[in-house]
Amino acid sequence: MDPWYSLGSADMLEVAHMGVHAVPMTSREAMAWTFTSVTQNGARAMGLPDPTIREGGPANMVVLQARDPIEAVRMKATRLVVIKHGKILARTNPRLATLNLPNRPNTLDPANYAPVAED
């Protein structure tokens, strides 16, 4: 699955997650940087067009089940939708945990239980 790393899955969120632990880079700023490194900076390094979402852009994106880039790395977010040139290539149901705990919600969405960052 990954021509550069025999234990890898060619998943850049996995690479970012592993890097955060291995280096360690556990500050919120460092975790956000790893996300940018494996998304926007990776595209730039390969000479791909500007990867930002914008009017008139190529409409290539992955929609993640995460509140923000930090949570995407921390939780190795589920890829909900993969879009290329405006066409949906893949869709995955959101990851939900079912709970059976008194006075607690019945389900838990990992994108909704992350701490809210203080600005």
N, C-alpha and C. Protein backbone atom coordinates (compact mmCIF):
# COMPACT_ATOMS: atom_id res chain seq x y z
N MET A 1 0.81 -1.21 0.00
CA MET A 1 0.00 0.00 0.00
C MET A 1 0.85 1.26 0.00
N ASP A 2 2.02 1.21 0.59
CA ASP A 2 2.85 2.41 0.70
C ASP A 2 4.24 2.08 0.17
N PRO A 3 4.61 2.63 -0.99
CA PRO A 3 5.89 2.24 -1.58
C PRO A 3 7.11 2.74 -0.82
N TRP A 4 6.96 3.68 0.10
CA TRP A 4 8.10 4.24 0.82
C TRP A 4 8.27 3.66 2.22
N TYR A 5 7.21 3.07 2.76
CA TYR A 5 7.26 2.59 4.14
C TYR A 5 6.46 1.30 4.22
N SER A 6 7.12 0.18 4.45
CA SER A 6 6.46 -1.12 4.37
C SER A 6 5.36 -1.33 5.41
N LEU A 7 5.37 -0.56 6.49
CA LEU A 7 4.30 -0.67 7.49
C LEU A 7 3.23 0.39 7.29
N GLY A 8 3.40 1.25 6.30
CA GLY A 8 2.48 2.35 6.09
C GLY A 8 1.28 1.97 5.24
N SER A 9 0.33 2.88 5.18
CA SER A 9 -0.89 2.66 4.41
C SER A 9 -1.09 3.74 3.36
N ALA A 10 -0.05 4.53 3.10
CA ALA A 10 -0.12 5.65 2.14
C ALA A 10 -1.17 6.67 2.57
N ASP A 11 -1.35 6.80 3.86
CA ASP A 11 -2.35 7.70 4.44
C ASP A 11 -1.61 8.85 5.12
N MET A 12 -1.74 10.06 4.56
CA MET A 12 -0.98 11.18 5.07
C MET A 12 -1.44 11.63 6.46
N LEU A 13 -2.70 11.42 6.82
CA LEU A 13 -3.11 11.73 8.20
C LEU A 13 -2.43 10.78 9.18
N GLU A 14 -2.24 9.55 8.76
CA GLU A 14 -1.51 8.59 9.60
C GLU A 14 -0.06 9.04 9.77
N VAL A 15 0.56 9.52 8.70
CA VAL A 15 1.93 10.03 8.77
C VAL A 15 2.01 11.21 9.74
N ALA A 16 1.06 12.15 9.63
CA ALA A 16 1.05 13.30 10.53
C ALA A 16 0.87 12.85 11.98
N HIS A 17 -0.05 11.92 12.21
CA HIS A 17 -0.31 11.40 13.56
C HIS A 17 0.94 10.75 14.14
N MET A 18 1.62 9.95 13.32
CA MET A 18 2.83 9.28 13.78
C MET A 18 3.93 10.30 14.07
N GLY A 19 4.06 11.29 13.20
CA GLY A 19 5.08 12.30 13.39
C GLY A 19 4.89 13.10 14.67
N VAL A 20 3.64 13.41 14.98
CA VAL A 20 3.33 14.15 16.21
C VAL A 20 3.83 13.36 17.42
N HIS A 21 3.66 12.05 17.40
CA HIS A 21 4.09 11.22 18.51
C HIS A 21 5.60 10.98 18.52
N ALA A 22 6.17 10.76 17.36
CA ALA A 22 7.58 10.38 17.28
C ALA A 22 8.53 11.52 17.60
N VAL A 23 8.18 12.74 17.26
CA VAL A 23 9.15 13.84 17.36
C VAL A 23 9.40 14.32 18.78
N PRO A 24 8.58 14.53 19.71
CA PRO A 24 7.15 14.77 19.74
C PRO A 24 6.81 16.23 19.41
N MET A 25 5.63 16.39 18.82
CA MET A 25 5.14 17.71 18.43
C MET A 25 3.71 17.85 18.94
N THR A 26 3.53 17.90 20.22
CA THR A 26 2.19 17.82 20.80
C THR A 26 1.56 19.16 21.14
N SER A 27 2.22 20.27 20.85
CA SER A 27 1.54 21.55 21.07
C SER A 27 0.46 21.71 20.00
N ARG A 28 -0.53 22.53 20.27
CA ARG A 28 -1.60 22.75 19.29
C ARG A 28 -1.02 23.33 17.99
N GLU A 29 -0.05 24.22 18.10
CA GLU A 29 0.56 24.82 16.92
C GLU A 29 1.28 23.76 16.09
N ALA A 30 2.02 22.88 16.75
CA ALA A 30 2.76 21.84 16.04
C ALA A 30 1.81 20.86 15.36
N MET A 31 0.72 20.50 16.04
CA MET A 31 -0.24 19.58 15.42
C MET A 31 -0.89 20.22 14.20
N ALA A 32 -1.23 21.50 14.29
CA ALA A 32 -1.80 22.21 13.13
C ALA A 32 -0.77 22.24 12.00
N TRP A 33 0.50 22.45 12.32
CA TRP A 33 1.56 22.49 11.31
C TRP A 33 1.66 21.15 10.59
N THR A 34 1.53 20.03 11.32
CA THR A 34 1.64 18.72 10.66
C THR A 34 0.51 18.54 9.65
N PHE A 35 -0.69 19.03 9.98
CA PHE A 35 -1.80 18.93 9.03
C PHE A 35 -1.49 19.70 7.76
N THR A 36 -1.02 20.94 7.92
CA THR A 36 -0.65 21.75 6.76
C THR A 36 0.46 21.09 5.96
N SER A 37 1.39 20.45 6.66
CA SER A 37 2.52 19.79 5.99
C SER A 37 2.07 18.66 5.08
N VAL A 38 1.07 17.90 5.50
CA VAL A 38 0.66 16.74 4.70
C VAL A 38 -0.49 17.08 3.75
N THR A 39 -0.94 18.32 3.75
CA THR A 39 -2.01 18.72 2.82
C THR A 39 -1.48 19.79 1.88
N GLN A 40 -1.56 21.03 2.26
CA GLN A 40 -1.17 22.14 1.40
C GLN A 40 0.31 22.10 1.03
N ASN A 41 1.19 21.93 1.99
CA ASN A 41 2.63 21.93 1.70
C ASN A 41 3.04 20.73 0.86
N GLY A 42 2.40 19.59 1.10
CA GLY A 42 2.68 18.42 0.29
C GLY A 42 2.33 18.64 -1.17
N ALA A 43 1.18 19.26 -1.40
CA ALA A 43 0.76 19.57 -2.78
C ALA A 43 1.73 20.54 -3.43
N ARG A 44 2.13 21.56 -2.69
CA ARG A 44 3.09 22.54 -3.23
C ARG A 44 4.43 21.89 -3.57
N ALA A 45 4.90 21.01 -2.69
CA ALA A 45 6.19 20.34 -2.91
C ALA A 45 6.16 19.48 -4.17
N MET A 46 4.99 18.94 -4.50
CA MET A 46 4.86 18.11 -5.71
C MET A 46 4.55 18.93 -6.95
N GLY A 47 4.47 20.27 -6.79
CA GLY A 47 4.20 21.12 -7.94
C GLY A 47 2.76 21.10 -8.40
N LEU A 48 1.85 20.69 -7.52
CA LEU A 48 0.43 20.67 -7.87
C LEU A 48 -0.13 22.08 -7.78
N PRO A 49 -1.27 22.31 -8.42
CA PRO A 49 -1.89 23.64 -8.33
C PRO A 49 -2.26 24.00 -6.89
N ASP A 50 -2.47 25.27 -6.65
CA ASP A 50 -2.87 25.78 -5.33
C ASP A 50 -4.01 24.91 -4.80
N PRO A 51 -3.80 24.23 -3.64
CA PRO A 51 -4.79 23.29 -3.14
C PRO A 51 -5.92 23.92 -2.31
N THR A 52 -5.93 25.23 -2.14
CA THR A 52 -6.95 25.83 -1.30
C THR A 52 -8.31 25.82 -2.00
N ILE A 53 -9.36 25.74 -1.20
CA ILE A 53 -10.72 25.77 -1.73
C ILE A 53 -11.05 27.22 -2.06
N ARG A 54 -11.43 27.45 -3.31
CA ARG A 54 -11.72 28.80 -3.75
C ARG A 54 -12.60 28.74 -4.99
N GLU A 55 -13.31 29.81 -5.26
CA GLU A 55 -14.14 29.89 -6.46
C GLU A 55 -13.25 29.74 -7.69
N GLY A 56 -13.68 28.86 -8.59
CA GLY A 56 -12.91 28.62 -9.80
C GLY A 56 -11.80 27.61 -9.63
N GLY A 57 -11.61 27.11 -8.41
CA GLY A 57 -10.57 26.12 -8.14
C GLY A 57 -10.95 24.76 -8.70
N PRO A 58 -10.07 23.77 -8.55
CA PRO A 58 -10.30 22.46 -9.17
C PRO A 58 -11.34 21.58 -8.47
N ALA A 59 -11.85 21.97 -7.32
CA ALA A 59 -12.86 21.20 -6.57
C ALA A 59 -12.37 19.79 -6.24
N ASN A 60 -11.13 19.71 -5.77
CA ASN A 60 -10.57 18.46 -5.27
C ASN A 60 -10.46 18.60 -3.75
N MET A 61 -11.07 17.69 -3.02
CA MET A 61 -11.01 17.80 -1.57
C MET A 61 -11.41 16.50 -0.89
N VAL A 62 -11.03 16.43 0.37
CA VAL A 62 -11.46 15.35 1.25
C VAL A 62 -12.17 16.01 2.42
N VAL A 63 -13.39 15.60 2.67
CA VAL A 63 -14.17 16.12 3.80
C VAL A 63 -13.94 15.19 4.98
N LEU A 64 -13.43 15.75 6.07
CA LEU A 64 -13.06 14.96 7.24
C LEU A 64 -14.08 15.11 8.36
N GLN A 65 -14.24 14.07 9.15
CA GLN A 65 -15.09 14.12 10.34
C GLN A 65 -14.25 14.64 11.49
N ALA A 66 -14.03 15.96 11.48
CA ALA A 66 -13.21 16.59 12.50
C ALA A 66 -13.60 18.05 12.62
N ARG A 67 -13.50 18.58 13.81
CA ARG A 67 -13.83 19.97 14.07
C ARG A 67 -12.82 20.93 13.46
N ASP A 68 -11.53 20.52 13.44
CA ASP A 68 -10.47 21.39 12.95
C ASP A 68 -9.27 20.53 12.57
N PRO A 69 -8.23 21.11 11.98
CA PRO A 69 -7.06 20.33 11.57
C PRO A 69 -6.38 19.58 12.72
N ILE A 70 -6.36 20.17 13.89
CA ILE A 70 -5.73 19.51 15.03
C ILE A 70 -6.46 18.22 15.37
N GLU A 71 -7.77 18.29 15.40
CA GLU A 71 -8.56 17.09 15.69
C GLU A 71 -8.47 16.07 14.56
N ALA A 72 -8.31 16.53 13.34
CA ALA A 72 -8.14 15.61 12.22
C ALA A 72 -6.90 14.75 12.42
N VAL A 73 -5.80 15.38 12.84
CA VAL A 73 -4.56 14.65 13.10
C VAL A 73 -4.71 13.79 14.35
N ARG A 74 -5.21 14.37 15.42
CA ARG A 74 -5.30 13.67 16.71
C ARG A 74 -6.15 12.42 16.61
N MET A 75 -7.28 12.52 15.92
CA MET A 75 -8.24 11.41 15.85
C MET A 75 -8.08 10.56 14.59
N LYS A 76 -7.13 10.92 13.71
CA LYS A 76 -7.03 10.26 12.40
C LYS A 76 -8.43 10.19 11.79
N ALA A 77 -8.99 11.35 11.55
CA ALA A 77 -10.39 11.53 11.20
C ALA A 77 -10.86 10.64 10.05
N THR A 78 -12.10 10.22 10.17
CA THR A 78 -12.76 9.48 9.11
C THR A 78 -12.91 10.38 7.90
N ARG A 79 -12.61 9.85 6.73
CA ARG A 79 -12.81 10.60 5.48
C ARG A 79 -14.25 10.39 5.06
N LEU A 80 -15.06 11.42 5.19
CA LEU A 80 -16.49 11.30 4.89
C LEU A 80 -16.77 11.30 3.40
N VAL A 81 -16.09 12.19 2.66
CA VAL A 81 -16.30 12.30 1.22
C VAL A 81 -14.97 12.63 0.56
N VAL A 82 -14.69 11.97 -0.57
CA VAL A 82 -13.54 12.29 -1.40
C VAL A 82 -14.08 12.81 -2.73
N ILE A 83 -13.64 14.01 -3.10
CA ILE A 83 -14.14 14.68 -4.30
C ILE A 83 -12.96 15.02 -5.20
N LYS A 84 -13.09 14.70 -6.48
CA LYS A 84 -12.06 15.07 -7.46
C LYS A 84 -12.75 15.70 -8.65
N HIS A 85 -12.30 16.90 -9.00
CA HIS A 85 -12.89 17.68 -10.10
C HIS A 85 -14.40 17.80 -9.93
N GLY A 86 -14.84 17.97 -8.69
CA GLY A 86 -16.25 18.17 -8.40
C GLY A 86 -17.09 16.90 -8.37
N LYS A 87 -16.49 15.75 -8.62
CA LYS A 87 -17.22 14.47 -8.63
C LYS A 87 -16.89 13.67 -7.38
N ILE A 88 -17.91 13.19 -6.71
CA ILE A 88 -17.70 12.36 -5.51
C ILE A 88 -17.17 10.99 -5.94
N LEU A 89 -15.99 10.66 -5.43
CA LEU A 89 -15.36 9.38 -5.74
C LEU A 89 -15.64 8.34 -4.66
N ALA A 90 -15.73 8.79 -3.42
CA ALA A 90 -15.94 7.86 -2.30
C ALA A 90 -16.70 8.56 -1.19
N ARG A 91 -17.48 7.79 -0.47
CA ARG A 91 -18.25 8.31 0.65
C ARG A 91 -18.21 7.26 1.76
N THR A 92 -18.01 7.72 3.00
CA THR A 92 -17.97 6.84 4.17
C THR A 92 -18.94 7.39 5.21
N ASN A 93 -19.65 6.51 5.87
CA ASN A 93 -20.53 6.95 6.94
C ASN A 93 -19.71 7.49 8.10
N PRO A 94 -20.25 8.48 8.81
CA PRO A 94 -19.53 9.01 9.99
C PRO A 94 -19.30 7.91 11.02
N ARG A 95 -18.19 8.01 11.72
CA ARG A 95 -17.89 7.09 12.81
C ARG A 95 -18.65 7.56 14.04
N LEU A 96 -19.45 6.70 14.61
CA LEU A 96 -20.22 7.01 15.81
C LEU A 96 -20.06 5.86 16.80
N ALA A 97 -19.88 6.19 18.05
CA ALA A 97 -19.85 5.19 19.11
C ALA A 97 -21.22 5.16 19.77
N THR A 98 -21.71 3.97 20.07
CA THR A 98 -22.97 3.81 20.78
C THR A 98 -22.64 3.58 22.25
N LEU A 99 -23.27 4.37 23.11
CA LEU A 99 -23.00 4.30 24.54
C LEU A 99 -24.19 3.73 25.29
N ASN A 100 -23.90 3.07 26.36
CA ASN A 100 -24.93 2.57 27.26
C ASN A 100 -24.53 2.97 28.68
N LEU A 101 -24.53 4.28 28.92
CA LEU A 101 -24.11 4.82 30.21
C LEU A 101 -25.23 5.69 30.78
N PRO A 102 -25.52 5.56 32.06
CA PRO A 102 -26.58 6.38 32.64
C PRO A 102 -26.27 7.87 32.53
N ASN A 103 -27.29 8.65 32.22
CA ASN A 103 -27.19 10.11 32.15
C ASN A 103 -26.15 10.60 31.13
N ARG A 104 -25.92 9.82 30.11
CA ARG A 104 -24.98 10.20 29.05
C ARG A 104 -25.70 10.09 27.70
N PRO A 105 -25.16 10.72 26.67
CA PRO A 105 -25.78 10.59 25.34
C PRO A 105 -25.76 9.13 24.88
N ASN A 106 -26.65 8.81 23.95
CA ASN A 106 -26.70 7.45 23.41
C ASN A 106 -25.62 7.20 22.37
N THR A 107 -25.19 8.27 21.70
CA THR A 107 -24.14 8.14 20.69
C THR A 107 -23.09 9.21 20.92
N LEU A 108 -21.92 8.96 20.37
CA LEU A 108 -20.81 9.90 20.50
C LEU A 108 -20.13 10.04 19.14
N ASP A 109 -20.07 11.25 18.65
CA ASP A 109 -19.38 11.58 17.39
C ASP A 109 -18.02 12.15 17.76
N PRO A 110 -16.92 11.51 17.32
CA PRO A 110 -15.60 12.00 17.71
C PRO A 110 -15.33 13.44 17.30
N ALA A 111 -16.03 13.96 16.31
CA ALA A 111 -15.83 15.35 15.88
C ALA A 111 -16.48 16.31 16.85
N ASN A 112 -17.33 15.85 17.75
CA ASN A 112 -18.06 16.75 18.64
C ASN A 112 -17.62 16.70 20.09
N TYR A 113 -16.69 15.86 20.46
CA TYR A 113 -16.30 15.83 21.87
C TYR A 113 -14.91 16.38 22.12
N ALA A 114 -14.32 16.96 21.12
CA ALA A 114 -13.00 17.56 21.29
C ALA A 114 -13.10 18.84 22.09
N PRO A 115 -12.04 19.16 22.82
CA PRO A 115 -12.05 20.44 23.56
C PRO A 115 -12.06 21.62 22.58
N VAL A 116 -12.69 22.67 22.96
CA VAL A 116 -12.72 23.89 22.15
C VAL A 116 -11.49 24.71 22.50
N ALA A 117 -10.73 25.09 21.48
CA ALA A 117 -9.50 25.86 21.70
C ALA A 117 -9.84 27.28 22.14
N GLU A 118 -9.06 27.77 23.08
CA GLU A 118 -9.18 29.16 23.52
C GLU A 118 -8.35 30.04 22.60
N ASP A 119 -8.93 31.09 22.06
CA ASP A 119 -8.17 31.99 21.20
C ASP A 119 -7.50 33.08 21.97
